[in-house]
């Protein structure tokens, strides 16, 4: 699944290219098919545009939460359940658990589902999945729900001899906002899409006592400095 065209911005290889190669090697080893789907347009419309609008208002949005709701467990779930693939469930590597309750008289009748924490609380990702609708969770499986990454997952990879196939053990967990990446400065990137709005830091006890300034209030909120708040110039 591709959500952001990093190549267009950097004119060089992006993380998606490395991820694709790793997936292809692993799929070949396991004798399974690889399906690629591009959701760049959907991501821009449903995640990135609302994100920039929220930042412009001085809010602190979390695009990863929106991505899970709108793209991974929205568009991607719809994609895998289409006739050409025909999957009944979408499985992802999130550390979370889907609890299911079935009808007492009909074990095939699902009454309700709940999103619950994974066994490995140090890796738990339920916060980022909290806005995924229950209807979507009905068709989701999290295989890592009952596994500890430091022990169970490492042992599983070793047992299945996956370590040398696609550098599975050497690959780090994904972190950070996908469209910013690990090498880019968040503020510099956001300013390419959001207008700068100068602001001042003032003492909450004495509003006229200016403690400092910020070139852009939209990337600075009240949690940035203890005992002070930001005030927009406009």
C-alpha atoms as a PDB file:
ATOM      1  CA  UNK A   1       0.000   0.000   0.000  1.00  0.00           C
ATOM      2  CA  UNK A   2       1.389   3.376  -1.045  1.00  0.00           C
ATOM      3  CA  UNK A   3       0.032   6.572   0.502  1.00  0.00           C
ATOM      4  CA  UNK A   4       2.663   9.201  -0.281  1.00  0.00           C
ATOM      5  CA  UNK A   5       4.870   9.765  -3.321  1.00  0.00           C
ATOM      6  CA  UNK A   6       8.154  10.632  -1.655  1.00  0.00           C
ATOM      7  CA  UNK A   7      10.027  10.180  -4.920  1.00  0.00           C
ATOM      8  CA  UNK A   8       8.303  13.247  -6.426  1.00  0.00           C
ATOM      9  CA  UNK A   9       9.561  15.436  -3.588  1.00  0.00           C
ATOM     10  CA  UNK A  10      13.061  14.047  -3.081  1.00  0.00           C
ATOM     11  CA  UNK A  11      13.767  12.827  -6.629  1.00  0.00           C
ATOM     12  CA  UNK A  12      15.432   9.770  -5.098  1.00  0.00           C
ATOM     13  CA  UNK A  13      14.581   6.334  -3.764  1.00  0.00           C
ATOM     14  CA  UNK A  14      12.026   6.425  -0.976  1.00  0.00           C
ATOM     15  CA  UNK A  15      11.289   4.039   1.875  1.00  0.00           C
ATOM     16  CA  UNK A  16       8.443   2.535  -0.138  1.00  0.00           C
ATOM     17  CA  UNK A  17      10.930   1.124  -2.651  1.00  0.00           C
ATOM     18  CA  UNK A  18      12.842  -0.681   0.100  1.00  0.00           C
ATOM     19  CA  UNK A  19       9.593  -1.915   1.646  1.00  0.00           C
ATOM     20  CA  UNK A  20       8.467  -3.272  -1.733  1.00  0.00           C
ATOM     21  CA  UNK A  21      11.679  -5.223  -2.250  1.00  0.00           C
ATOM     22  CA  UNK A  22      11.478  -6.683   1.231  1.00  0.00           C
ATOM     23  CA  UNK A  23       7.840  -7.691   0.727  1.00  0.00           C
ATOM     24  CA  UNK A  24       8.599  -9.294  -2.625  1.00  0.00           C
ATOM     25  CA  UNK A  25      11.467 -11.356  -1.183  1.00  0.00           C
ATOM     26  CA  UNK A  26       9.367 -12.512   1.742  1.00  0.00           C
ATOM     27  CA  UNK A  27       6.373 -13.332  -0.466  1.00  0.00           C
ATOM     28  CA  UNK A  28       8.553 -15.382  -2.800  1.00  0.00           C
ATOM     29  CA  UNK A  29       9.934 -17.338   0.149  1.00  0.00           C
ATOM     30  CA  UNK A  30       6.423 -18.006   1.486  1.00  0.00           C
ATOM     31  CA  UNK A  31       4.974 -18.703  -1.987  1.00  0.00           C
ATOM     32  CA  UNK A  32       2.270 -16.042  -1.731  1.00  0.00           C
ATOM     33  CA  UNK A  33       1.208 -13.238  -4.057  1.00  0.00           C
ATOM     34  CA  UNK A  34       1.994  -9.562  -3.599  1.00  0.00           C
ATOM     35  CA  UNK A  35      -0.701  -7.014  -4.458  1.00  0.00           C
ATOM     36  CA  UNK A  36       0.230  -3.340  -4.738  1.00  0.00           C
ATOM     37  CA  UNK A  37      -2.313  -0.555  -4.457  1.00  0.00           C
ATOM     38  CA  UNK A  38      -1.852   3.207  -4.663  1.00  0.00           C
ATOM     39  CA  UNK A  39      -3.891   5.352  -2.276  1.00  0.00           C
ATOM     40  CA  UNK A  40      -1.919   8.585  -2.700  1.00  0.00           C
ATOM     41  CA  UNK A  41      -4.963  10.522  -3.959  1.00  0.00           C
ATOM     42  CA  UNK A  42      -7.235   9.179  -1.229  1.00  0.00           C
ATOM     43  CA  UNK A  43      -4.609   9.916   1.418  1.00  0.00           C
ATOM     44  CA  UNK A  44      -4.237  13.491   0.227  1.00  0.00           C
ATOM     45  CA  UNK A  45      -7.990  14.070   0.267  1.00  0.00           C
ATOM     46  CA  UNK A  46      -8.901  12.257   3.491  1.00  0.00           C
ATOM     47  CA  UNK A  47      -5.785  12.711   5.620  1.00  0.00           C
ATOM     48  CA  UNK A  48      -3.247  15.252   4.431  1.00  0.00           C
ATOM     49  CA  UNK A  49      -5.585  18.109   3.436  1.00  0.00           C
ATOM     50  CA  UNK A  50      -7.564  17.903   6.715  1.00  0.00           C
ATOM     51  CA  UNK A  51      -4.224  17.708   8.546  1.00  0.00           C
ATOM     52  CA  UNK A  52      -2.912  20.966   7.062  1.00  0.00           C
ATOM     53  CA  UNK A  53      -6.235  22.700   7.703  1.00  0.00           C
ATOM     54  CA  UNK A  54      -6.106  21.617  11.328  1.00  0.00           C
ATOM     55  CA  UNK A  55      -2.498  22.754  11.735  1.00  0.00           C
ATOM     56  CA  UNK A  56      -3.375  26.142  10.217  1.00  0.00           C
ATOM     57  CA  UNK A  57      -5.972  26.546  12.974  1.00  0.00           C
ATOM     58  CA  UNK A  58      -3.315  25.983  15.628  1.00  0.00           C
ATOM     59  CA  UNK A  59      -4.557  22.503  16.503  1.00  0.00           C
ATOM     60  CA  UNK A  60      -2.392  19.418  17.068  1.00  0.00           C
ATOM     61  CA  UNK A  61      -3.797  16.747  14.729  1.00  0.00           C
ATOM     62  CA  UNK A  62      -2.547  13.165  14.489  1.00  0.00           C
ATOM     63  CA  UNK A  63      -2.550  12.069  10.825  1.00  0.00           C
ATOM     64  CA  UNK A  64      -1.656   8.485  11.773  1.00  0.00           C
ATOM     65  CA  UNK A  65      -4.995   8.144  13.566  1.00  0.00           C
ATOM     66  CA  UNK A  66      -6.822   9.461  10.500  1.00  0.00           C
ATOM     67  CA  UNK A  67      -4.794   7.224   8.186  1.00  0.00           C
ATOM     68  CA  UNK A  68      -5.832   4.117  10.089  1.00  0.00           C
ATOM     69  CA  UNK A  69      -9.486   5.115  10.015  1.00  0.00           C
ATOM     70  CA  UNK A  70      -9.734   6.399   6.460  1.00  0.00           C
ATOM     71  CA  UNK A  71      -7.075   4.463   4.543  1.00  0.00           C
ATOM     72  CA  UNK A  72      -5.770   1.268   6.169  1.00  0.00           C
ATOM     73  CA  UNK A  73      -9.064   0.149   7.671  1.00  0.00           C
ATOM     74  CA  UNK A  74     -11.155   2.061   5.176  1.00  0.00           C
ATOM     75  CA  UNK A  75      -9.932   2.029   1.579  1.00  0.00           C
ATOM     76  CA  UNK A  76      -7.496  -0.875   2.004  1.00  0.00           C
ATOM     77  CA  UNK A  77     -10.094  -3.027   3.753  1.00  0.00           C
ATOM     78  CA  UNK A  78     -12.529  -2.349   0.914  1.00  0.00           C
ATOM     79  CA  UNK A  79      -9.814  -3.236  -1.605  1.00  0.00           C
ATOM     80  CA  UNK A  80      -8.912  -6.647  -0.114  1.00  0.00           C
ATOM     81  CA  UNK A  81     -12.580  -7.661   0.130  1.00  0.00           C
ATOM     82  CA  UNK A  82     -13.254  -7.021  -3.552  1.00  0.00           C
ATOM     83  CA  UNK A  83     -13.911  -9.942  -5.860  1.00  0.00           C
ATOM     84  CA  UNK A  84     -10.433 -10.001  -7.451  1.00  0.00           C
ATOM     85  CA  UNK A  85      -8.850 -10.698  -4.057  1.00  0.00           C
ATOM     86  CA  UNK A  86     -11.881 -11.928  -2.138  1.00  0.00           C
ATOM     87  CA  UNK A  87     -10.366 -11.823   1.349  1.00  0.00           C
ATOM     88  CA  UNK A  88     -12.640 -12.233   4.352  1.00  0.00           C
ATOM     89  CA  UNK A  89     -10.251 -10.490   6.737  1.00  0.00           C
ATOM     90  CA  UNK A  90      -7.496  -7.887   6.690  1.00  0.00           C
ATOM     91  CA  UNK A  91      -4.478  -8.817   8.808  1.00  0.00           C
ATOM     92  CA  UNK A  92      -1.933  -6.196   9.887  1.00  0.00           C
ATOM     93  CA  UNK A  93       1.083  -6.117  12.185  1.00  0.00           C
ATOM     94  CA  UNK A  94      -0.427  -3.734  14.719  1.00  0.00           C
ATOM     95  CA  UNK A  95       0.019  -4.564  18.382  1.00  0.00           C
ATOM     96  CA  UNK A  96      -3.654  -4.572  19.348  1.00  0.00           C
ATOM     97  CA  UNK A  97      -6.488  -7.022  19.934  1.00  0.00           C
ATOM     98  CA  UNK A  98     -10.010  -7.353  18.558  1.00  0.00           C
ATOM     99  CA  UNK A  99     -12.374  -8.954  21.080  1.00  0.00           C
ATOM    100  CA  UNK A 100     -15.477 -10.568  19.603  1.00  0.00           C
ATOM    101  CA  UNK A 101     -18.753 -11.579  21.251  1.00  0.00           C
ATOM    102  CA  UNK A 102     -21.019 -14.056  19.471  1.00  0.00           C
ATOM    103  CA  UNK A 103     -24.677 -14.872  19.980  1.00  0.00           C
ATOM    104  CA  UNK A 104     -25.333 -17.661  22.528  1.00  0.00           C
ATOM    105  CA  UNK A 105     -27.734 -19.434  20.185  1.00  0.00           C
ATOM    106  CA  UNK A 106     -25.815 -18.867  16.961  1.00  0.00           C
ATOM    107  CA  UNK A 107     -22.019 -19.023  17.149  1.00  0.00           C
ATOM    108  CA  UNK A 108     -21.784 -17.568  13.637  1.00  0.00           C
ATOM    109  CA  UNK A 109     -23.700 -14.422  14.596  1.00  0.00           C
ATOM    110  CA  UNK A 110     -21.328 -11.692  15.751  1.00  0.00           C
ATOM    111  CA  UNK A 111     -22.995  -9.431  18.322  1.00  0.00           C
ATOM    112  CA  UNK A 112     -20.244  -6.885  18.929  1.00  0.00           C
ATOM    113  CA  UNK A 113     -16.506  -6.232  18.784  1.00  0.00           C
ATOM    114  CA  UNK A 114     -14.154  -4.239  21.001  1.00  0.00           C
ATOM    115  CA  UNK A 115     -10.669  -2.878  20.455  1.00  0.00           C
ATOM    116  CA  UNK A 116      -8.444  -3.957  23.341  1.00  0.00           C
ATOM    117  CA  UNK A 117      -4.803  -3.617  24.299  1.00  0.00           C
ATOM    118  CA  UNK A 118      -2.231  -6.094  23.072  1.00  0.00           C
ATOM    119  CA  UNK A 119      -0.370  -8.384  25.426  1.00  0.00           C
ATOM    120  CA  UNK A 120       2.845  -6.428  24.806  1.00  0.00           C
ATOM    121  CA  UNK A 121       1.872  -3.126  26.408  1.00  0.00           C
ATOM    122  CA  UNK A 122       5.236  -1.581  25.520  1.00  0.00           C
ATOM    123  CA  UNK A 123       4.248  -1.877  21.849  1.00  0.00           C
ATOM    124  CA  UNK A 124       0.497  -1.353  22.212  1.00  0.00           C
ATOM    125  CA  UNK A 125      -0.975   0.705  19.348  1.00  0.00           C
ATOM    126  CA  UNK A 126      -4.637   0.953  20.325  1.00  0.00           C
ATOM    127  CA  UNK A 127      -4.367   4.741  20.632  1.00  0.00           C
ATOM    128  CA  UNK A 128      -3.707   4.981  16.892  1.00  0.00           C
ATOM    129  CA  UNK A 129      -6.620   2.608  16.158  1.00  0.00           C
ATOM    130  CA  UNK A 130      -9.167   4.165  18.510  1.00  0.00           C
ATOM    131  CA  UNK A 131     -11.175   5.881  15.763  1.00  0.00           C
ATOM    132  CA  UNK A 132     -11.483   2.815  13.515  1.00  0.00           C
ATOM    133  CA  UNK A 133     -15.227   1.948  13.314  1.00  0.00           C
ATOM    134  CA  UNK A 134     -16.438  -1.271  14.928  1.00  0.00           C
ATOM    135  CA  UNK A 135     -17.862  -2.358  11.569  1.00  0.00           C
ATOM    136  CA  UNK A 136     -14.367  -2.318  10.107  1.00  0.00           C
ATOM    137  CA  UNK A 137     -12.890  -4.165  13.095  1.00  0.00           C
ATOM    138  CA  UNK A 138     -15.297  -7.028  12.432  1.00  0.00           C
ATOM    139  CA  UNK A 139     -13.150  -7.897   9.403  1.00  0.00           C
ATOM    140  CA  UNK A 140      -9.747  -7.331  10.992  1.00  0.00           C
ATOM    141  CA  UNK A 141      -7.275  -9.725  12.605  1.00  0.00           C
ATOM    142  CA  UNK A 142      -4.187  -8.686  14.573  1.00  0.00           C
ATOM    143  CA  UNK A 143      -1.900 -11.760  14.724  1.00  0.00           C
ATOM    144  CA  UNK A 144       0.484 -10.052  17.164  1.00  0.00           C
ATOM    145  CA  UNK A 145      -2.223  -9.486  19.777  1.00  0.00           C
ATOM    146  CA  UNK A 146      -0.970 -12.166  22.175  1.00  0.00           C
ATOM    147  CA  UNK A 147       2.756 -11.950  21.352  1.00  0.00           C
ATOM    148  CA  UNK A 148       5.622 -10.170  23.092  1.00  0.00           C
ATOM    149  CA  UNK A 149       7.890  -8.610  20.477  1.00  0.00           C
ATOM    150  CA  UNK A 150      11.146  -9.065  22.386  1.00  0.00           C
ATOM    151  CA  UNK A 151      10.580 -12.792  22.870  1.00  0.00           C
ATOM    152  CA  UNK A 152       7.674 -14.378  20.993  1.00  0.00           C
ATOM    153  CA  UNK A 153       8.053 -12.512  17.704  1.00  0.00           C
ATOM    154  CA  UNK A 154      11.819 -12.964  17.569  1.00  0.00           C
ATOM    155  CA  UNK A 155      11.438 -16.702  18.259  1.00  0.00           C
ATOM    156  CA  UNK A 156       8.748 -17.000  15.581  1.00  0.00           C
ATOM    157  CA  UNK A 157      10.947 -15.324  12.981  1.00  0.00           C
ATOM    158  CA  UNK A 158      13.854 -17.591  13.898  1.00  0.00           C
ATOM    159  CA  UNK A 159      11.715 -20.733  13.785  1.00  0.00           C
ATOM    160  CA  UNK A 160      10.358 -19.893  10.350  1.00  0.00           C
ATOM    161  CA  UNK A 161      13.865 -18.989   9.127  1.00  0.00           C
ATOM    162  CA  UNK A 162      12.730 -15.533   8.059  1.00  0.00           C
ATOM    163  CA  UNK A 163      15.667 -13.601   9.481  1.00  0.00           C
ATOM    164  CA  UNK A 164      17.854 -13.891   6.395  1.00  0.00           C
ATOM    165  CA  UNK A 165      15.080 -13.711   3.811  1.00  0.00           C
ATOM    166  CA  UNK A 166      14.334  -9.996   3.844  1.00  0.00           C
ATOM    167  CA  UNK A 167      16.394  -8.709   6.780  1.00  0.00           C
ATOM    168  CA  UNK A 168      13.310  -9.031   8.952  1.00  0.00           C
ATOM    169  CA  UNK A 169      15.180  -8.831  12.236  1.00  0.00           C
ATOM    170  CA  UNK A 170      17.186  -5.814  11.107  1.00  0.00           C
ATOM    171  CA  UNK A 171      14.189  -3.802   9.987  1.00  0.00           C
ATOM    172  CA  UNK A 172      13.102  -1.173  12.476  1.00  0.00           C
ATOM    173  CA  UNK A 173       9.489  -0.540  13.403  1.00  0.00           C
ATOM    174  CA  UNK A 174       7.840   2.272  11.494  1.00  0.00           C
ATOM    175  CA  UNK A 175       7.865   5.547  13.381  1.00  0.00           C
ATOM    176  CA  UNK A 176       7.000   9.129  12.589  1.00  0.00           C
ATOM    177  CA  UNK A 177       4.636  10.686  10.094  1.00  0.00           C
ATOM    178  CA  UNK A 178       5.009   8.973   6.713  1.00  0.00           C
ATOM    179  CA  UNK A 179       4.940  12.139   4.598  1.00  0.00           C
ATOM    180  CA  UNK A 180       7.595  13.856   6.719  1.00  0.00           C
ATOM    181  CA  UNK A 181       9.995  10.934   7.055  1.00  0.00           C
ATOM    182  CA  UNK A 182      12.875  10.621   9.474  1.00  0.00           C
ATOM    183  CA  UNK A 183      15.307  12.999   7.783  1.00  0.00           C
ATOM    184  CA  UNK A 184      13.054  16.018   7.318  1.00  0.00           C
ATOM    185  CA  UNK A 185      12.292  18.778   9.784  1.00  0.00           C
ATOM    186  CA  UNK A 186       8.595  18.770  10.624  1.00  0.00           C
ATOM    187  CA  UNK A 187       8.240  22.545  10.830  1.00  0.00           C
ATOM    188  CA  UNK A 188      10.089  23.139   7.554  1.00  0.00           C
ATOM    189  CA  UNK A 189       7.907  20.580   5.787  1.00  0.00           C
ATOM    190  CA  UNK A 190       4.619  21.909   7.166  1.00  0.00           C
ATOM    191  CA  UNK A 191       5.541  25.457   6.128  1.00  0.00           C
ATOM    192  CA  UNK A 192       5.504  24.290   2.523  1.00  0.00           C
ATOM    193  CA  UNK A 193       1.736  23.816   2.862  1.00  0.00           C
ATOM    194  CA  UNK A 194       0.719  26.001   5.826  1.00  0.00           C
ATOM    195  CA  UNK A 195       1.082  29.771   6.009  1.00  0.00           C
ATOM    196  CA  UNK A 196       3.356  31.010   8.778  1.00  0.00           C
ATOM    197  CA  UNK A 197       1.641  32.877  11.585  1.00  0.00           C
ATOM    198  CA  UNK A 198       4.091  34.606  14.013  1.00  0.00           C
ATOM    199  CA  UNK A 199       3.327  34.307  17.715  1.00  0.00           C
ATOM    200  CA  UNK A 200       4.684  35.332  21.128  1.00  0.00           C
ATOM    201  CA  UNK A 201       5.197  33.388  24.332  1.00  0.00           C
ATOM    202  CA  UNK A 202       3.706  35.234  27.275  1.00  0.00           C
ATOM    203  CA  UNK A 203       3.635  34.686  31.027  1.00  0.00           C
ATOM    204  CA  UNK A 204       0.253  33.262  32.056  1.00  0.00           C
ATOM    205  CA  UNK A 205       0.389  35.351  35.244  1.00  0.00           C
ATOM    206  CA  UNK A 206       1.187  38.558  33.424  1.00  0.00           C
ATOM    207  CA  UNK A 207      -0.105  38.549  29.864  1.00  0.00           C
ATOM    208  CA  UNK A 208       1.956  41.616  28.901  1.00  0.00           C
ATOM    209  CA  UNK A 209       5.245  39.964  29.869  1.00  0.00           C
ATOM    210  CA  UNK A 210       6.623  38.557  26.599  1.00  0.00           C
ATOM    211  CA  UNK A 211       8.991  35.628  27.233  1.00  0.00           C
ATOM    212  CA  UNK A 212       9.874  34.798  23.649  1.00  0.00           C
ATOM    213  CA  UNK A 213       8.586  34.413  20.131  1.00  0.00           C
ATOM    214  CA  UNK A 214       7.850  31.781  17.502  1.00  0.00           C
ATOM    215  CA  UNK A 215       7.893  32.270  13.766  1.00  0.00           C
ATOM    216  CA  UNK A 216       4.804  30.123  13.405  1.00  0.00           C
ATOM    217  CA  UNK A 217       2.032  29.537  15.939  1.00  0.00           C
ATOM    218  CA  UNK A 218       0.528  26.766  13.826  1.00  0.00           C
ATOM    219  CA  UNK A 219       3.439  24.447  14.703  1.00  0.00           C
ATOM    220  CA  UNK A 220       3.650  25.564  18.325  1.00  0.00           C
ATOM    221  CA  UNK A 221       1.018  24.874  20.970  1.00  0.00           C
ATOM    222  CA  UNK A 222       0.596  25.592  24.679  1.00  0.00           C
ATOM    223  CA  UNK A 223       2.285  22.310  25.631  1.00  0.00           C
ATOM    224  CA  UNK A 224       5.568  23.402  24.038  1.00  0.00           C
ATOM    225  CA  UNK A 225       6.745  25.306  27.091  1.00  0.00           C
ATOM    226  CA  UNK A 226       5.765  24.824  30.718  1.00  0.00           C
ATOM    227  CA  UNK A 227       4.135  27.839  32.335  1.00  0.00           C
ATOM    228  CA  UNK A 228       3.742  29.798  29.127  1.00  0.00           C
ATOM    229  CA  UNK A 229       1.313  29.996  26.215  1.00  0.00           C
ATOM    230  CA  UNK A 230       1.445  31.265  22.658  1.00  0.00           C
ATOM    231  CA  UNK A 231      -0.578  34.142  21.268  1.00  0.00           C
ATOM    232  CA  UNK A 232      -1.111  34.665  17.550  1.00  0.00           C
ATOM    233  CA  UNK A 233      -0.360  38.033  16.022  1.00  0.00           C
ATOM    234  CA  UNK A 234      -3.483  37.939  13.892  1.00  0.00           C
END
